[in-house]
Amino acid sequence: MVQNYQSRSVSTSKEALTVYLPAEIKDALKQWAEIDQRSMAFLAEQFITEAVKQWQEKQEKTDG
């Protein structure tokens, strides 16, 4: 059965983001997600969130 993701209703306050990755990175992320029993989206959100926090801290140090 094919799912139509556009009509899928997800109750969240989060924004969607599409990213393009090299196949080997996507495959590694998929393997990591399977081992951790998480989704690739969850892992990607965690990585991006941590990177942005680190960047913001760096900005605060250089701005102040």
PDB file of N, CA and C in Angstrom:
ATOM      1  N   MET A   1       0.838  -1.183   0.000  1.00  0.00           N
ATOM      2  CA  MET A   1       0.000   0.000   0.000  1.00  0.00           C
ATOM      3  C   MET A   1       0.883   1.246   0.000  1.00  0.00           C
ATOM      4  N   VAL A   2       0.565   2.200  -0.821  1.00  0.00           N
ATOM      5  CA  VAL A   2       1.309   3.452  -0.913  1.00  0.00           C
ATOM      6  C   VAL A   2       0.622   4.485  -0.039  1.00  0.00           C
ATOM      7  N   GLN A   3       1.410   5.139   0.794  1.00  0.00           N
ATOM      8  CA  GLN A   3       0.880   6.168   1.677  1.00  0.00           C
ATOM      9  C   GLN A   3       1.054   7.536   1.048  1.00  0.00           C
ATOM     10  N   ASN A   4       0.056   8.359   1.140  1.00  0.00           N
ATOM     11  CA  ASN A   4       0.158   9.728   0.669  1.00  0.00           C
ATOM     12  C   ASN A   4       0.557  10.590   1.856  1.00  0.00           C
ATOM     13  N   TYR A   5       1.827  10.974   1.915  1.00  0.00           N
ATOM     14  CA  TYR A   5       2.348  11.711   3.052  1.00  0.00           C
ATOM     15  C   TYR A   5       1.838  13.144   3.101  1.00  0.00           C
ATOM     16  N   GLN A   6       1.415  13.692   1.978  1.00  0.00           N
ATOM     17  CA  GLN A   6       0.923  15.059   1.978  1.00  0.00           C
ATOM     18  C   GLN A   6      -0.402  15.181   2.720  1.00  0.00           C
ATOM     19  N   SER A   7      -1.220  14.137   2.680  1.00  0.00           N
ATOM     20  CA  SER A   7      -2.505  14.210   3.357  1.00  0.00           C
ATOM     21  C   SER A   7      -2.424  13.701   4.796  1.00  0.00           C
ATOM     22  N   ARG A   8      -1.272  13.231   5.177  1.00  0.00           N
ATOM     23  CA  ARG A   8      -1.065  12.705   6.523  1.00  0.00           C
ATOM     24  C   ARG A   8      -1.063  13.859   7.530  1.00  0.00           C
ATOM     25  N   SER A   9      -1.893  13.763   8.529  1.00  0.00           N
ATOM     26  CA  SER A   9      -1.994  14.818   9.524  1.00  0.00           C
ATOM     27  C   SER A   9      -1.110  14.481  10.716  1.00  0.00           C
ATOM     28  N   VAL A  10      -0.147  15.356  10.985  1.00  0.00           N
ATOM     29  CA  VAL A  10       0.753  15.169  12.110  1.00  0.00           C
ATOM     30  C   VAL A  10       0.559  16.356  13.037  1.00  0.00           C
ATOM     31  N   SER A  11       0.209  16.065  14.275  1.00  0.00           N
ATOM     32  CA  SER A  11      -0.004  17.127  15.248  1.00  0.00           C
ATOM     33  C   SER A  11       1.330  17.483  15.891  1.00  0.00           C
ATOM     34  N   THR A  12       1.923  18.581  15.436  1.00  0.00           N
ATOM     35  CA  THR A  12       3.201  19.018  15.976  1.00  0.00           C
ATOM     36  C   THR A  12       3.357  20.514  15.770  1.00  0.00           C
ATOM     37  N   SER A  13       4.140  21.111  16.630  1.00  0.00           N
ATOM     38  CA  SER A  13       4.433  22.534  16.468  1.00  0.00           C
ATOM     39  C   SER A  13       5.761  22.719  15.742  1.00  0.00           C
ATOM     40  N   LYS A  14       6.343  21.624  15.287  1.00  0.00           N
ATOM     41  CA  LYS A  14       7.646  21.671  14.626  1.00  0.00           C
ATOM     42  C   LYS A  14       7.493  21.983  13.143  1.00  0.00           C
ATOM     43  N   GLU A  15       8.535  22.577  12.590  1.00  0.00           N
ATOM     44  CA  GLU A  15       8.596  22.884  11.167  1.00  0.00           C
ATOM     45  C   GLU A  15       9.240  21.719  10.421  1.00  0.00           C
ATOM     46  N   ALA A  16       8.877  21.537   9.176  1.00  0.00           N
ATOM     47  CA  ALA A  16       9.465  20.500   8.336  1.00  0.00           C
ATOM     48  C   ALA A  16      10.669  21.065   7.579  1.00  0.00           C
ATOM     49  N   LEU A  17      11.653  20.208   7.331  1.00  0.00           N
ATOM     50  CA  LEU A  17      12.847  20.583   6.585  1.00  0.00           C
ATOM     51  C   LEU A  17      13.266  19.397   5.724  1.00  0.00           C
ATOM     52  N   THR A  18      13.491  19.643   4.465  1.00  0.00           N
ATOM     53  CA  THR A  18      13.963  18.602   3.560  1.00  0.00           C
ATOM     54  C   THR A  18      15.455  18.783   3.363  1.00  0.00           C
ATOM     55  N   VAL A  19      16.211  17.704   3.486  1.00  0.00           N
ATOM     56  CA  VAL A  19      17.657  17.772   3.263  1.00  0.00           C
ATOM     57  C   VAL A  19      18.059  16.713   2.239  1.00  0.00           C
ATOM     58  N   TYR A  20      19.128  16.993   1.533  1.00  0.00           N
ATOM     59  CA  TYR A  20      19.696  16.060   0.571  1.00  0.00           C
ATOM     60  C   TYR A  20      21.050  15.634   1.089  1.00  0.00           C
ATOM     61  N   LEU A  21      21.247  14.317   1.201  1.00  0.00           N
ATOM     62  CA  LEU A  21      22.479  13.755   1.754  1.00  0.00           C
ATOM     63  C   LEU A  21      23.116  12.810   0.755  1.00  0.00           C
ATOM     64  N   PRO A  22      24.434  12.678   0.806  1.00  0.00           N
ATOM     65  CA  PRO A  22      25.072  11.627   0.009  1.00  0.00           C
ATOM     66  C   PRO A  22      24.540  10.266   0.474  1.00  0.00           C
ATOM     67  N   ALA A  23      24.442   9.331  -0.446  1.00  0.00           N
ATOM     68  CA  ALA A  23      23.875   8.014  -0.146  1.00  0.00           C
ATOM     69  C   ALA A  23      24.570   7.334   1.030  1.00  0.00           C
ATOM     70  N   GLU A  24      25.895   7.464   1.107  1.00  0.00           N
ATOM     71  CA  GLU A  24      26.612   6.776   2.191  1.00  0.00           C
ATOM     72  C   GLU A  24      26.289   7.370   3.558  1.00  0.00           C
ATOM     73  N   ILE A  25      26.017   8.666   3.603  1.00  0.00           N
ATOM     74  CA  ILE A  25      25.627   9.302   4.871  1.00  0.00           C
ATOM     75  C   ILE A  25      24.222   8.862   5.251  1.00  0.00           C
ATOM     76  N   LYS A  26      23.321   8.845   4.290  1.00  0.00           N
ATOM     77  CA  LYS A  26      21.948   8.398   4.564  1.00  0.00           C
ATOM     78  C   LYS A  26      21.941   6.946   5.032  1.00  0.00           C
ATOM     79  N   ASP A  27      22.724   6.105   4.385  1.00  0.00           N
ATOM     80  CA  ASP A  27      22.793   4.692   4.777  1.00  0.00           C
ATOM     81  C   ASP A  27      23.328   4.529   6.197  1.00  0.00           C
ATOM     82  N   ALA A  28      24.349   5.302   6.542  1.00  0.00           N
ATOM     83  CA  ALA A  28      24.908   5.236   7.887  1.00  0.00           C
ATOM     84  C   ALA A  28      23.896   5.731   8.913  1.00  0.00           C
ATOM     85  N   LEU A  29      23.180   6.807   8.587  1.00  0.00           N
ATOM     86  CA  LEU A  29      22.152   7.329   9.480  1.00  0.00           C
ATOM     87  C   LEU A  29      21.038   6.304   9.676  1.00  0.00           C
ATOM     88  N   LYS A  30      20.660   5.639   8.601  1.00  0.00           N
ATOM     89  CA  LYS A  30      19.621   4.605   8.683  1.00  0.00           C
ATOM     90  C   LYS A  30      20.071   3.461   9.590  1.00  0.00           C
ATOM     91  N   GLN A  31      21.309   3.033   9.423  1.00  0.00           N
ATOM     92  CA  GLN A  31      21.848   1.949  10.250  1.00  0.00           C
ATOM     93  C   GLN A  31      21.884   2.371  11.720  1.00  0.00           C
ATOM     94  N   TRP A  32      22.354   3.582  11.993  1.00  0.00           N
ATOM     95  CA  TRP A  32      22.420   4.110  13.358  1.00  0.00           C
ATOM     96  C   TRP A  32      21.015   4.147  13.971  1.00  0.00           C
ATOM     97  N   ALA A  33      20.047   4.652  13.196  1.00  0.00           N
ATOM     98  CA  ALA A  33      18.669   4.751  13.680  1.00  0.00           C
ATOM     99  C   ALA A  33      18.103   3.367  14.009  1.00  0.00           C
ATOM    100  N   GLU A  34      18.378   2.398  13.164  1.00  0.00           N
ATOM    101  CA  GLU A  34      17.891   1.041  13.421  1.00  0.00           C
ATOM    102  C   GLU A  34      18.501   0.457  14.681  1.00  0.00           C
ATOM    103  N   ILE A  35      19.791   0.664  14.869  1.00  0.00           N
ATOM    104  CA  ILE A  35      20.473   0.146  16.062  1.00  0.00           C
ATOM    105  C   ILE A  35      19.912   0.791  17.316  1.00  0.00           C
ATOM    106  N   ASP A  36      19.682   2.107  17.267  1.00  0.00           N
ATOM    107  CA  ASP A  36      19.162   2.842  18.430  1.00  0.00           C
ATOM    108  C   ASP A  36      17.641   2.768  18.547  1.00  0.00           C
ATOM    109  N   GLN A  37      16.997   2.097  17.604  1.00  0.00           N
ATOM    110  CA  GLN A  37      15.536   1.994  17.553  1.00  0.00           C
ATOM    111  C   GLN A  37      14.885   3.380  17.575  1.00  0.00           C
ATOM    112  N   ARG A  38      15.414   4.236  16.748  1.00  0.00           N
ATOM    113  CA  ARG A  38      14.911   5.599  16.563  1.00  0.00           C
ATOM    114  C   ARG A  38      14.670   5.817  15.083  1.00  0.00           C
ATOM    115  N   SER A  39      13.993   6.894  14.753  1.00  0.00           N
ATOM    116  CA  SER A  39      13.821   7.238  13.344  1.00  0.00           C
ATOM    117  C   SER A  39      15.015   8.074  12.883  1.00  0.00           C
ATOM    118  N   MET A  40      15.234   8.077  11.587  1.00  0.00           N
ATOM    119  CA  MET A  40      16.287   8.927  11.032  1.00  0.00           C
ATOM    120  C   MET A  40      15.955  10.389  11.296  1.00  0.00           C
ATOM    121  N   ALA A  41      14.683  10.742  11.230  1.00  0.00           N
ATOM    122  CA  ALA A  41      14.273  12.126  11.483  1.00  0.00           C
ATOM    123  C   ALA A  41      14.605  12.538  12.917  1.00  0.00           C
ATOM    124  N   PHE A  42      14.382  11.639  13.872  1.00  0.00           N
ATOM    125  CA  PHE A  42      14.692  11.942  15.268  1.00  0.00           C
ATOM    126  C   PHE A  42      16.185  12.202  15.432  1.00  0.00           C
ATOM    127  N   LEU A  43      17.014  11.319  14.872  1.00  0.00           N
ATOM    128  CA  LEU A  43      18.459  11.504  14.990  1.00  0.00           C
ATOM    129  C   LEU A  43      18.898  12.799  14.318  1.00  0.00           C
ATOM    130  N   ALA A  44      18.387  13.055  13.125  1.00  0.00           N
ATOM    131  CA  ALA A  44      18.753  14.281  12.411  1.00  0.00           C
ATOM    132  C   ALA A  44      18.356  15.513  13.225  1.00  0.00           C
ATOM    133  N   GLU A  45      17.177  15.486  13.829  1.00  0.00           N
ATOM    134  CA  GLU A  45      16.748  16.611  14.665  1.00  0.00           C
ATOM    135  C   GLU A  45      17.698  16.813  15.843  1.00  0.00           C
ATOM    136  N   GLN A  46      18.112  15.726  16.476  1.00  0.00           N
ATOM    137  CA  GLN A  46      19.024  15.822  17.611  1.00  0.00           C
ATOM    138  C   GLN A  46      20.364  16.413  17.192  1.00  0.00           C
ATOM    139  N   PHE A  47      20.900  15.936  16.079  1.00  0.00           N
ATOM    140  CA  PHE A  47      22.197  16.423  15.596  1.00  0.00           C
ATOM    141  C   PHE A  47      22.128  17.902  15.223  1.00  0.00           C
ATOM    142  N   ILE A  48      21.093  18.281  14.499  1.00  0.00           N
ATOM    143  CA  ILE A  48      20.957  19.671  14.067  1.00  0.00           C
ATOM    144  C   ILE A  48      20.743  20.589  15.265  1.00  0.00           C
ATOM    145  N   THR A  49      19.900  20.162  16.195  1.00  0.00           N
ATOM    146  CA  THR A  49      19.643  20.959  17.396  1.00  0.00           C
ATOM    147  C   THR A  49      20.929  21.204  18.173  1.00  0.00           C
ATOM    148  N   GLU A  50      21.735  20.159  18.359  1.00  0.00           N
ATOM    149  CA  GLU A  50      22.991  20.301  19.100  1.00  0.00           C
ATOM    150  C   GLU A  50      23.964  21.213  18.351  1.00  0.00           C
ATOM    151  N   ALA A  51      24.037  21.069  17.045  1.00  0.00           N
ATOM    152  CA  ALA A  51      24.938  21.919  16.255  1.00  0.00           C
ATOM    153  C   ALA A  51      24.521  23.384  16.343  1.00  0.00           C
ATOM    154  N   VAL A  52      23.224  23.653  16.278  1.00  0.00           N
ATOM    155  CA  VAL A  52      22.744  25.036  16.365  1.00  0.00           C
ATOM    156  C   VAL A  52      23.020  25.606  17.752  1.00  0.00           C
ATOM    157  N   LYS A  53      22.814  24.828  18.802  1.00  0.00           N
ATOM    158  CA  LYS A  53      23.111  25.296  20.158  1.00  0.00           C
ATOM    159  C   LYS A  53      24.587  25.662  20.298  1.00  0.00           C
ATOM    160  N   GLN A  54      25.458  24.815  19.767  1.00  0.00           N
ATOM    161  CA  GLN A  54      26.892  25.098  19.832  1.00  0.00           C
ATOM    162  C   GLN A  54      27.227  26.359  19.048  1.00  0.00           C
ATOM    163  N   TRP A  55      26.624  26.525  17.891  1.00  0.00           N
ATOM    164  CA  TRP A  55      26.859  27.713  17.081  1.00  0.00           C
ATOM    165  C   TRP A  55      26.386  28.963  17.815  1.00  0.00           C
ATOM    166  N   GLN A  56      25.185  28.877  18.440  1.00  0.00           N
ATOM    167  CA  GLN A  56      24.653  30.023  19.176  1.00  0.00           C
ATOM    168  C   GLN A  56      25.566  30.393  20.352  1.00  0.00           C
ATOM    169  N   GLU A  57      26.060  29.396  21.065  1.00  0.00           N
ATOM    170  CA  GLU A  57      26.981  29.671  22.180  1.00  0.00           C
ATOM    171  C   GLU A  57      28.245  30.357  21.676  1.00  0.00           C
ATOM    172  N   LYS A  58      28.751  29.895  20.548  1.00  0.00           N
ATOM    173  CA  LYS A  58      29.940  30.499  19.953  1.00  0.00           C
ATOM    174  C   LYS A  58      29.661  31.960  19.563  1.00  0.00           C
ATOM    175  N   GLN A  59      28.478  32.203  19.017  1.00  0.00           N
ATOM    176  CA  GLN A  59      28.086  33.565  18.621  1.00  0.00           C
ATOM    177  C   GLN A  59      27.991  34.479  19.843  1.00  0.00           C
ATOM    178  N   GLU A  60      27.442  33.953  20.929  1.00  0.00           N
ATOM    179  CA  GLU A  60      27.308  34.751  22.145  1.00  0.00           C
ATOM    180  C   GLU A  60      28.678  35.135  22.702  1.00  0.00           C
ATOM    181  N   LYS A  61      29.631  34.217  22.601  1.00  0.00           N
ATOM    182  CA  LYS A  61      30.997  34.493  23.089  1.00  0.00           C
ATOM    183  C   LYS A  61      31.675  35.552  22.233  1.00  0.00           C
ATOM    184  N   THR A  62      31.457  35.530  20.933  1.00  0.00           N
ATOM    185  CA  THR A  62      32.110  36.492  20.044  1.00  0.00           C
ATOM    186  C   THR A  62      31.384  37.836  20.036  1.00  0.00           C
ATOM    187  N   ASP A  63      30.094  37.824  20.345  1.00  0.00           N
ATOM    188  CA  ASP A  63      29.303  39.064  20.366  1.00  0.00           C
ATOM    189  C   ASP A  63      29.464  39.823  21.680  1.00  0.00           C
ATOM    190  N   GLY A  64      29.766  39.100  22.744  1.00  0.00           N
ATOM    191  CA  GLY A  64      29.786  39.751  24.056  1.00  0.00           C
ATOM    192  C   GLY A  64      31.126  39.922  24.558  1.00  0.00           C
TER     193      GLY A  64
END
